[in-house]
PDB file of N, CA and C in Angstrom:
ATOM      1  N   MET A   1      37.095 -62.795  34.757  1.00  0.00           N
ATOM      2  CA  MET A   1      38.093 -63.214  33.707  1.00  0.00           C
ATOM      3  C   MET A   1      38.653 -64.581  34.160  1.00  0.00           C
ATOM      4  N   ALA A   2      38.899 -64.698  35.489  1.00  0.00           N
ATOM      5  CA  ALA A   2      39.407 -65.972  35.944  1.00  0.00           C
ATOM      6  C   ALA A   2      38.486 -67.163  35.849  1.00  0.00           C
ATOM      7  N   ILE A   3      37.161 -66.891  35.960  1.00  0.00           N
ATOM      8  CA  ILE A   3      36.147 -67.894  35.715  1.00  0.00           C
ATOM      9  C   ILE A   3      36.073 -68.338  34.330  1.00  0.00           C
ATOM     10  N   LEU A   4      36.268 -67.428  33.464  1.00  0.00           N
ATOM     11  CA  LEU A   4      36.305 -67.778  31.970  1.00  0.00           C
ATOM     12  C   LEU A   4      37.606 -68.651  31.736  1.00  0.00           C
ATOM     13  N   PHE A   5      38.696 -68.255  32.263  1.00  0.00           N
ATOM     14  CA  PHE A   5      39.872 -69.063  32.025  1.00  0.00           C
ATOM     15  C   PHE A   5      39.752 -70.420  32.604  1.00  0.00           C
ATOM     16  N   LEU A   6      39.128 -70.568  33.764  1.00  0.00           N
ATOM     17  CA  LEU A   6      38.874 -71.937  34.419  1.00  0.00           C
ATOM     18  C   LEU A   6      37.935 -72.711  33.534  1.00  0.00           C
ATOM     19  N   ALA A   7      36.927 -72.120  32.985  1.00  0.00           N
ATOM     20  CA  ALA A   7      35.949 -72.821  32.259  1.00  0.00           C
ATOM     21  C   ALA A   7      36.590 -73.346  30.948  1.00  0.00           C
ATOM     22  N   VAL A   8      37.421 -72.446  30.276  1.00  0.00           N
ATOM     23  CA  VAL A   8      38.114 -72.945  29.074  1.00  0.00           C
ATOM     24  C   VAL A   8      39.133 -74.047  29.384  1.00  0.00           C
ATOM     25  N   LEU A   9      39.748 -74.030  30.544  1.00  0.00           N
ATOM     26  CA  LEU A   9      40.670 -75.026  30.923  1.00  0.00           C
ATOM     27  C   LEU A   9      39.954 -76.334  31.146  1.00  0.00           C
ATOM     28  N   ILE A  10      38.850 -76.254  31.873  1.00  0.00           N
ATOM     29  CA  ILE A  10      38.115 -77.533  32.067  1.00  0.00           C
ATOM     30  C   ILE A  10      37.555 -78.112  30.755  1.00  0.00           C
ATOM     31  N   LEU A  11      37.114 -77.206  29.834  1.00  0.00           N
ATOM     32  CA  LEU A  11      36.697 -77.722  28.551  1.00  0.00           C
ATOM     33  C   LEU A  11      37.798 -78.376  27.735  1.00  0.00           C
ATOM     34  N   ALA A  12      38.968 -77.762  27.822  1.00  0.00           N
ATOM     35  CA  ALA A  12      40.169 -78.354  27.125  1.00  0.00           C
ATOM     36  C   ALA A  12      40.526 -79.672  27.668  1.00  0.00           C
ATOM     37  N   VAL A  13      40.484 -79.851  29.027  1.00  0.00           N
ATOM     38  CA  VAL A  13      40.790 -81.144  29.637  1.00  0.00           C
ATOM     39  C   VAL A  13      39.710 -82.237  29.248  1.00  0.00           C
ATOM     40  N   ALA A  14      38.471 -81.767  29.161  1.00  0.00           N
ATOM     41  CA  ALA A  14      37.316 -82.692  28.781  1.00  0.00           C
ATOM     42  C   ALA A  14      37.514 -83.101  27.360  1.00  0.00           C
ATOM     43  N   VAL A  15      37.916 -82.183  26.369  1.00  0.00           N
ATOM     44  CA  VAL A  15      38.029 -82.587  25.037  1.00  0.00           C
ATOM     45  C   VAL A  15      39.199 -83.544  24.890  1.00  0.00           C
ATOM     46  N   VAL A  16      40.372 -83.259  25.542  1.00  0.00           N
ATOM     47  CA  VAL A  16      41.520 -84.230  25.544  1.00  0.00           C
ATOM     48  C   VAL A  16      41.133 -85.623  26.041  1.00  0.00           C
ATOM     49  N   PHE A  17      40.399 -85.603  27.194  1.00  0.00           N
ATOM     50  CA  PHE A  17      40.004 -86.825  27.792  1.00  0.00           C
ATOM     51  C   PHE A  17      39.102 -87.595  26.876  1.00  0.00           C
ATOM     52  N   SER A  18      38.142 -86.956  26.218  1.00  0.00           N
ATOM     53  CA  SER A  18      37.213 -87.650  25.307  1.00  0.00           C
ATOM     54  C   SER A  18      37.949 -88.179  24.085  1.00  0.00           C
ATOM     55  N   ALA A  19      38.929 -87.437  23.589  1.00  0.00           N
ATOM     56  CA  ALA A  19      39.638 -87.792  22.407  1.00  0.00           C
ATOM     57  C   ALA A  19      40.520 -89.078  22.688  1.00  0.00           C
ATOM     58  N   GLN A  20      41.113 -89.144  23.864  1.00  0.00           N
ATOM     59  CA  GLN A  20      42.026 -90.213  24.244  1.00  0.00           C
ATOM     60  C   GLN A  20      41.190 -91.437  24.719  1.00  0.00           C
ATOM     61  N   ASN A  21      40.021 -91.291  25.050  1.00  0.00           N
ATOM     62  CA  ASN A  21      39.201 -92.421  25.598  1.00  0.00           C
ATOM     63  C   ASN A  21      37.934 -92.706  24.759  1.00  0.00           C
ATOM     64  N   SER A  22      38.165 -92.749  23.455  1.00  0.00           N
ATOM     65  CA  SER A  22      36.993 -92.964  22.520  1.00  0.00           C
ATOM     66  C   SER A  22      36.820 -94.428  22.192  1.00  0.00           C
ATOM     67  N   ILE A  23      37.415 -95.278  22.961  1.00  0.00           N
ATOM     68  CA  ILE A  23      37.362 -96.751  22.675  1.00  0.00           C
ATOM     69  C   ILE A  23      35.920 -97.178  23.053  1.00  0.00           C
ATOM     70  N   PRO A  24      35.213 -97.882  22.215  1.00  0.00           N
ATOM     71  CA  PRO A  24      33.938 -98.412  22.520  1.00  0.00           C
ATOM     72  C   PRO A  24      33.956 -99.502  23.604  1.00  0.00           C
ATOM     73  N   VAL A  25      33.116 -99.422  24.622  1.00  0.00           N
ATOM     74  CA  VAL A  25      33.054-100.501  25.706  1.00  0.00           C
ATOM     75  C   VAL A  25      31.635-100.892  25.799  1.00  0.00           C
ATOM     76  N   THR A  26      31.387-102.112  26.238  1.00  0.00           N
ATOM     77  CA  THR A  26      30.059-102.736  26.534  1.00  0.00           C
ATOM     78  C   THR A  26      29.883-102.967  27.942  1.00  0.00           C
ATOM     79  N   LEU A  27      28.808-102.471  28.531  1.00  0.00           N
ATOM     80  CA  LEU A  27      28.545-102.762  29.902  1.00  0.00           C
ATOM     81  C   LEU A  27      27.378-103.731  29.944  1.00  0.00           C
ATOM     82  N   SER A  28      27.440-104.701  30.786  1.00  0.00           N
ATOM     83  CA  SER A  28      26.398-105.735  30.853  1.00  0.00           C
ATOM     84  C   SER A  28      25.964-105.794  32.273  1.00  0.00           C
ATOM     85  N   PHE A  29      24.630-105.789  32.413  1.00  0.00           N
ATOM     86  CA  PHE A  29      23.973-106.059  33.812  1.00  0.00           C
ATOM     87  C   PHE A  29      22.801-106.966  33.561  1.00  0.00           C
ATOM     88  N   ILE A  30      22.870-108.090  34.132  1.00  0.00           N
ATOM     89  CA  ILE A  30      21.872-109.182  34.025  1.00  0.00           C
ATOM     90  C   ILE A  30      21.574-109.428  32.522  1.00  0.00           C
ATOM     91  N   ARG A  31      20.585-108.962  31.955  1.00  0.00           N
ATOM     92  CA  ARG A  31      20.248-109.195  30.476  1.00  0.00           C
ATOM     93  C   ARG A  31      20.330-107.912  29.699  1.00  0.00           C
ATOM     94  N   TRP A  32      20.717-106.803  30.400  1.00  0.00           N
ATOM     95  CA  TRP A  32      20.793-105.542  29.769  1.00  0.00           C
ATOM     96  C   TRP A  32      22.230-105.260  29.275  1.00  0.00           C
ATOM     97  N   GLN A  33      22.335-104.751  28.072  1.00  0.00           N
ATOM     98  CA  GLN A  33      23.663-104.441  27.563  1.00  0.00           C
ATOM     99  C   GLN A  33      23.709-102.993  26.992  1.00  0.00           C
ATOM    100  N   PHE A  34      24.802-102.354  27.198  1.00  0.00           N
ATOM    101  CA  PHE A  34      24.921-100.892  26.773  1.00  0.00           C
ATOM    102  C   PHE A  34      26.300-100.648  26.249  1.00  0.00           C
ATOM    103  N   SER A  35      26.340-100.212  25.019  1.00  0.00           N
ATOM    104  CA  SER A  35      27.599 -99.982  24.313  1.00  0.00           C
ATOM    105  C   SER A  35      27.757 -98.468  24.069  1.00  0.00           C
ATOM    106  N   ALA A  36      28.873 -97.947  24.437  1.00  0.00           N
ATOM    107  CA  ALA A  36      29.209 -96.528  24.233  1.00  0.00           C
ATOM    108  C   ALA A  36      30.743 -96.332  24.397  1.00  0.00           C
ATOM    109  N   SER A  37      31.187 -95.129  24.128  1.00  0.00           N
ATOM    110  CA  SER A  37      32.597 -94.865  24.211  1.00  0.00           C
ATOM    111  C   SER A  37      32.928 -94.763  25.730  1.00  0.00           C
ATOM    112  N   LEU A  38      34.175 -95.020  26.044  1.00  0.00           N
ATOM    113  CA  LEU A  38      34.667 -95.023  27.470  1.00  0.00           C
ATOM    114  C   LEU A  38      34.491 -93.653  28.098  1.00  0.00           C
ATOM    115  N   ALA A  39      34.689 -92.615  27.312  1.00  0.00           N
ATOM    116  CA  ALA A  39      34.464 -91.193  27.865  1.00  0.00           C
ATOM    117  C   ALA A  39      33.076 -90.977  28.384  1.00  0.00           C
ATOM    118  N   ILE A  40      32.080 -91.520  27.526  1.00  0.00           N
ATOM    119  CA  ILE A  40      30.644 -91.289  27.934  1.00  0.00           C
ATOM    120  C   ILE A  40      30.317 -92.040  29.154  1.00  0.00           C
ATOM    121  N   VAL A  41      30.881 -93.314  29.252  1.00  0.00           N
ATOM    122  CA  VAL A  41      30.606 -94.117  30.445  1.00  0.00           C
ATOM    123  C   VAL A  41      31.261 -93.546  31.661  1.00  0.00           C
ATOM    124  N   VAL A  42      32.445 -93.039  31.590  1.00  0.00           N
ATOM    125  CA  VAL A  42      33.035 -92.403  32.690  1.00  0.00           C
ATOM    126  C   VAL A  42      32.324 -91.109  33.067  1.00  0.00           C
ATOM    127  N   PHE A  43      31.890 -90.391  32.144  1.00  0.00           N
ATOM    128  CA  PHE A  43      31.056 -89.133  32.382  1.00  0.00           C
ATOM    129  C   PHE A  43      29.781 -89.434  33.093  1.00  0.00           C
ATOM    130  N   LEU A  44      29.067 -90.502  32.579  1.00  0.00           N
ATOM    131  CA  LEU A  44      27.798 -90.927  33.280  1.00  0.00           C
ATOM    132  C   LEU A  44      27.980 -91.455  34.684  1.00  0.00           C
ATOM    133  N   ALA A  45      29.088 -92.148  34.826  1.00  0.00           N
ATOM    134  CA  ALA A  45      29.395 -92.618  36.212  1.00  0.00           C
ATOM    135  C   ALA A  45      29.706 -91.417  37.173  1.00  0.00           C
ATOM    136  N   MET A  46      30.461 -90.486  36.649  1.00  0.00           N
ATOM    137  CA  MET A  46      30.731 -89.284  37.432  1.00  0.00           C
ATOM    138  C   MET A  46      29.431 -88.487  37.782  1.00  0.00           C
ATOM    139  N   LEU A  47      28.597 -88.398  36.794  1.00  0.00           N
ATOM    140  CA  LEU A  47      27.357 -87.591  37.002  1.00  0.00           C
ATOM    141  C   LEU A  47      26.480 -88.352  37.952  1.00  0.00           C
ATOM    142  N   THR A  48      26.432 -89.706  37.911  1.00  0.00           N
ATOM    143  CA  THR A  48      25.627 -90.478  38.831  1.00  0.00           C
ATOM    144  C   THR A  48      26.178 -90.286  40.307  1.00  0.00           C
ATOM    145  N   GLY A  49      27.449 -90.253  40.435  1.00  0.00           N
ATOM    146  CA  GLY A  49      28.087 -90.095  41.770  1.00  0.00           C
ATOM    147  C   GLY A  49      27.753 -88.719  42.303  1.00  0.00           C
ATOM    148  N   MET A  50      27.850 -87.679  41.456  1.00  0.00           N
ATOM    149  CA  MET A  50      27.525 -86.349  41.881  1.00  0.00           C
ATOM    150  C   MET A  50      25.994 -86.271  42.311  1.00  0.00           C
ATOM    151  N   LEU A  51      25.166 -86.941  41.627  1.00  0.00           N
ATOM    152  CA  LEU A  51      23.741 -86.897  41.994  1.00  0.00           C
ATOM    153  C   LEU A  51      23.505 -87.642  43.323  1.00  0.00           C
ATOM    154  N   VAL A  52      24.224 -88.704  43.549  1.00  0.00           N
ATOM    155  CA  VAL A  52      24.043 -89.474  44.858  1.00  0.00           C
ATOM    156  C   VAL A  52      24.585 -88.628  45.976  1.00  0.00           C
ATOM    157  N   MET A  53      25.706 -87.933  45.730  1.00  0.00           N
ATOM    158  CA  MET A  53      26.308 -87.178  46.768  1.00  0.00           C
ATOM    159  C   MET A  53      25.407 -85.921  47.136  1.00  0.00           C
ATOM    160  N   GLY A  54      24.804 -85.393  46.077  1.00  0.00           N
ATOM    161  CA  GLY A  54      23.941 -84.226  46.232  1.00  0.00           C
ATOM    162  C   GLY A  54      22.689 -84.682  47.076  1.00  0.00           C
ATOM    163  N   LEU A  55      22.109 -85.764  46.772  1.00  0.00           N
ATOM    164  CA  LEU A  55      21.030 -86.385  47.505  1.00  0.00           C
ATOM    165  C   LEU A  55      21.402 -86.565  48.987  1.00  0.00           C
ATOM    166  N   CYS A  56      22.597 -87.138  49.228  1.00  0.00           N
ATOM    167  CA  CYS A  56      23.057 -87.404  50.631  1.00  0.00           C
ATOM    168  C   CYS A  56      23.198 -86.080  51.351  1.00  0.00           C
ATOM    169  N   TRP A  57      23.770 -85.052  50.736  1.00  0.00           N
ATOM    170  CA  TRP A  57      23.951 -83.737  51.459  1.00  0.00           C
ATOM    171  C   TRP A  57      22.685 -83.126  51.652  1.00  0.00           C
ATOM    172  N   MET A  58      21.634 -83.296  50.796  1.00  0.00           N
ATOM    173  CA  MET A  58      20.351 -82.743  50.987  1.00  0.00           C
ATOM    174  C   MET A  58      19.713 -83.482  52.246  1.00  0.00           C
ATOM    175  N   GLY A  59      19.929 -84.767  52.359  1.00  0.00           N
ATOM    176  CA  GLY A  59      19.381 -85.482  53.538  1.00  0.00           C
ATOM    177  C   GLY A  59      20.074 -85.089  54.830  1.00  0.00           C
ATOM    178  N   VAL A  60      21.299 -84.812  54.754  1.00  0.00           N
ATOM    179  CA  VAL A  60      22.014 -84.334  56.017  1.00  0.00           C
ATOM    180  C   VAL A  60      21.495 -82.940  56.376  1.00  0.00           C
ATOM    181  N   GLY A  61      21.313 -82.043  55.336  1.00  0.00           N
ATOM    182  CA  GLY A  61      20.770 -80.706  55.690  1.00  0.00           C
ATOM    183  C   GLY A  61      19.317 -80.842  56.184  1.00  0.00           C
ATOM    184  N   PHE A  62      18.543 -81.741  55.674  1.00  0.00           N
ATOM    185  CA  PHE A  62      17.120 -81.898  56.094  1.00  0.00           C
ATOM    186  C   PHE A  62      17.193 -82.465  57.544  1.00  0.00           C
ATOM    187  N   LYS A  63      18.032 -83.324  57.839  1.00  0.00           N
ATOM    188  CA  LYS A  63      18.039 -83.853  59.196  1.00  0.00           C
ATOM    189  C   LYS A  63      18.452 -82.815  60.276  1.00  0.00           C
ATOM    190  N   LYS A  64      19.374 -81.965  59.818  1.00  0.00           N
ATOM    191  CA  LYS A  64      19.888 -80.998  60.739  1.00  0.00           C
ATOM    192  C   LYS A  64      18.746 -79.936  61.011  1.00  0.00           C
ATOM    193  N   LYS A  65      17.937 -79.718  59.933  1.00  0.00           N
ATOM    194  CA  LYS A  65      16.914 -78.772  60.024  1.00  0.00           C
ATOM    195  C   LYS A  65      15.814 -79.220  60.961  1.00  0.00           C
ATOM    196  N   LEU A  66      15.585 -80.579  60.896  1.00  0.00           N
ATOM    197  CA  LEU A  66      14.556 -81.214  61.804  1.00  0.00           C
ATOM    198  C   LEU A  66      14.905 -81.134  63.280  1.00  0.00           C
ATOM    199  N   LYS A  67      16.257 -81.284  63.495  1.00  0.00           N
ATOM    200  CA  LYS A  67      16.784 -81.248  64.886  1.00  0.00           C
ATOM    201  C   LYS A  67      16.645 -79.842  65.537  1.00  0.00           C
ATOM    202  N   LYS A  68      16.677 -78.770  64.767  1.00  0.00           N
ATOM    203  CA  LYS A  68      16.557 -77.519  65.383  1.00  0.00           C
ATOM    204  C   LYS A  68      15.193 -77.271  65.878  1.00  0.00           C
ATOM    205  N   LYS A  69      15.138 -76.851  67.185  1.00  0.00           N
ATOM    206  CA  LYS A  69      13.762 -76.612  67.742  1.00  0.00           C
ATOM    207  C   LYS A  69      13.374 -75.208  67.584  1.00  0.00           C
ATOM    208  N   PRO A  70      12.264 -74.886  67.065  1.00  0.00           N
ATOM    209  CA  PRO A  70      11.766 -73.535  66.924  1.00  0.00           C
ATOM    210  C   PRO A  70      11.561 -72.893  68.243  1.00  0.00           C
ATOM    211  N   LYS A  71      11.911 -71.636  68.308  1.00  0.00           N
ATOM    212  CA  LYS A  71      11.572 -70.823  69.524  1.00  0.00           C
ATOM    213  C   LYS A  71      10.131 -70.791  69.798  1.00  0.00           C
ATOM    214  N   SER A  72       9.694 -70.902  70.981  1.00  0.00           N
ATOM    215  CA  SER A  72       8.360 -70.681  71.237  1.00  0.00           C
ATOM    216  C   SER A  72       7.994 -69.199  71.278  1.00  0.00           C
ATOM    217  N   GLN A  73       6.789 -68.856  70.988  1.00  0.00           N
ATOM    218  CA  GLN A  73       6.381 -67.446  70.894  1.00  0.00           C
ATOM    219  C   GLN A  73       6.433 -66.825  72.208  1.00  0.00           C
ATOM    220  N   ASP A  74       6.199 -67.486  73.313  1.00  0.00           N
ATOM    221  CA  ASP A  74       6.314 -66.921  74.657  1.00  0.00           C
ATOM    222  C   ASP A  74       7.779 -66.450  74.909  1.00  0.00           C
ATOM    223  N   ALA A  75       8.731 -67.294  74.558  1.00  0.00           N
ATOM    224  CA  ALA A  75      10.074 -66.905  74.908  1.00  0.00           C
ATOM    225  C   ALA A  75      10.475 -65.661  74.027  1.00  0.00           C
ATOM    226  N   ALA A  76      10.098 -65.658  72.770  1.00  0.00           N
ATOM    227  CA  ALA A  76      10.450 -64.628  71.907  1.00  0.00           C
ATOM    228  C   ALA A  76       9.692 -63.249  72.419  1.00  0.00           C
ATOM    229  N   LEU A  77       8.542 -63.322  72.837  1.00  0.00           N
ATOM    230  CA  LEU A  77       7.849 -62.137  73.257  1.00  0.00           C
ATOM    231  C   LEU A  77       8.342 -61.680  74.632  1.00  0.00           C
ATOM    232  N   SER A  78       8.726 -62.575  75.527  1.00  0.00           N
ATOM    233  CA  SER A  78       9.082 -62.137  76.880  1.00  0.00           C
ATOM    234  C   SER A  78      10.425 -61.450  76.826  1.00  0.00           C
ATOM    235  N   GLY A  79      11.305 -61.691  75.797  1.00  0.00           N
ATOM    236  CA  GLY A  79      12.570 -61.030  75.735  1.00  0.00           C
ATOM    237  C   GLY A  79      12.439 -59.598  75.317  1.00  0.00           C
ATOM    238  N   GLY A  80      11.469 -59.128  74.591  1.00  0.00           N
ATOM    239  CA  GLY A  80      11.165 -57.814  74.201  1.00  0.00           C
ATOM    240  C   GLY A  80      10.441 -56.917  75.191  1.00  0.00           C
ATOM    241  N   THR A  81       9.768 -57.514  76.124  1.00  0.00           N
ATOM    242  CA  THR A  81       8.921 -56.699  77.058  1.00  0.00           C
ATOM    243  C   THR A  81       9.761 -55.917  77.992  1.00  0.00           C
ATOM    244  N   GLY A  82      10.976 -56.337  78.398  1.00  0.00           N
ATOM    245  CA  GLY A  82      11.820 -55.508  79.317  1.00  0.00           C
ATOM    246  C   GLY A  82      12.019 -54.099  78.669  1.00  0.00           C
ATOM    247  N   SER A  83      12.409 -53.988  77.505  1.00  0.00           N
ATOM    248  CA  SER A  83      12.700 -52.722  76.894  1.00  0.00           C
ATOM    249  C   SER A  83      11.502 -51.897  76.767  1.00  0.00           C
ATOM    250  N   LEU A  84      10.305 -52.528  76.458  1.00  0.00           N
ATOM    251  CA  LEU A  84       9.038 -51.840  76.338  1.00  0.00           C
ATOM    252  C   LEU A  84       8.600 -51.272  77.677  1.00  0.00           C
ATOM    253  N   THR A  85       8.815 -51.973  78.673  1.00  0.00           N
ATOM    254  CA  THR A  85       8.530 -51.566  80.041  1.00  0.00           C
ATOM    255  C   THR A  85       9.286 -50.277  80.468  1.00  0.00           C
ATOM    256  N   LYS A  86      10.627 -50.363  80.220  1.00  0.00           N
ATOM    257  CA  LYS A  86      11.502 -49.201  80.411  1.00  0.00           C
ATOM    258  C   LYS A  86      11.062 -47.921  79.568  1.00  0.00           C
ATOM    259  N   GLU A  87      10.645 -48.118  78.390  1.00  0.00           N
ATOM    260  CA  GLU A  87      10.233 -47.105  77.465  1.00  0.00           C
ATOM    261  C   GLU A  87       8.926 -46.516  77.994  1.00  0.00           C
ATOM    262  N   ASN A  88       8.043 -47.373  78.513  1.00  0.00           N
ATOM    263  CA  ASN A  88       6.711 -46.972  79.005  1.00  0.00           C
ATOM    264  C   ASN A  88       6.933 -46.098  80.253  1.00  0.00           C
ATOM    265  N   LYS A  89       7.911 -46.429  81.127  1.00  0.00           N
ATOM    266  CA  LYS A  89       8.085 -45.664  82.372  1.00  0.00           C
ATOM    267  C   LYS A  89       8.719 -44.311  82.099  1.00  0.00           C
ATOM    268  N   THR A  90       9.478 -44.214  81.043  1.00  0.00           N
ATOM    269  CA  THR A  90      10.088 -42.866  80.668  1.00  0.00           C
ATOM    270  C   THR A  90       9.071 -41.972  80.105  1.00  0.00           C
ATOM    271  N   LEU A  91       8.023 -42.500  79.460  1.00  0.00           N
ATOM    272  CA  LEU A  91       6.957 -41.571  78.891  1.00  0.00           C
ATOM    273  C   LEU A  91       6.031 -41.198  80.048  1.00  0.00           C
TER     274      LEU A  91
END
């Protein structure tokens, strides 16, 4: 129920923001021009920022994953032989 309330609240804020920022703006870059409402431009800028941050976090996670050294099979096997030896002696 709390998630539904939060979603409705975010939707209401987005609708009010869009209604108050419906002024058309023109963005220019070299020879390229783009005209849209201010709300759409702000939304696209926010979406682009989220995408860039997501890619950065993926890069950080990938870098951490590469730094972890996998355990060698010998070390993993030698740790379990002590209990097997004790069990073998009891039999």
